[in-house]
Amino acid sequence: MQQMANQVGLALEAFGDQLSQLLPQIVDRLTPQGQAPEGGFSDALELLAKLAK
């Protein structure tokens, strides 16, 4: 998390606060009606990795 916080220019605590707000929304959108996508989460993980850079 520290590395990601550094990459986006936030203090670790601020990054954690924002992540704690966004992560439930991301999971909710990735799992419509509580179901994981048929292809898994690899596409989502790749997107998150790109956003972290």
Foldseek 3Di string as FASTA:
>chain_A
DCLLCVQVVHDPVVVVVVCVVCVVVVVCVCQPVNHHDPVGCPVVVVVVVVVSD
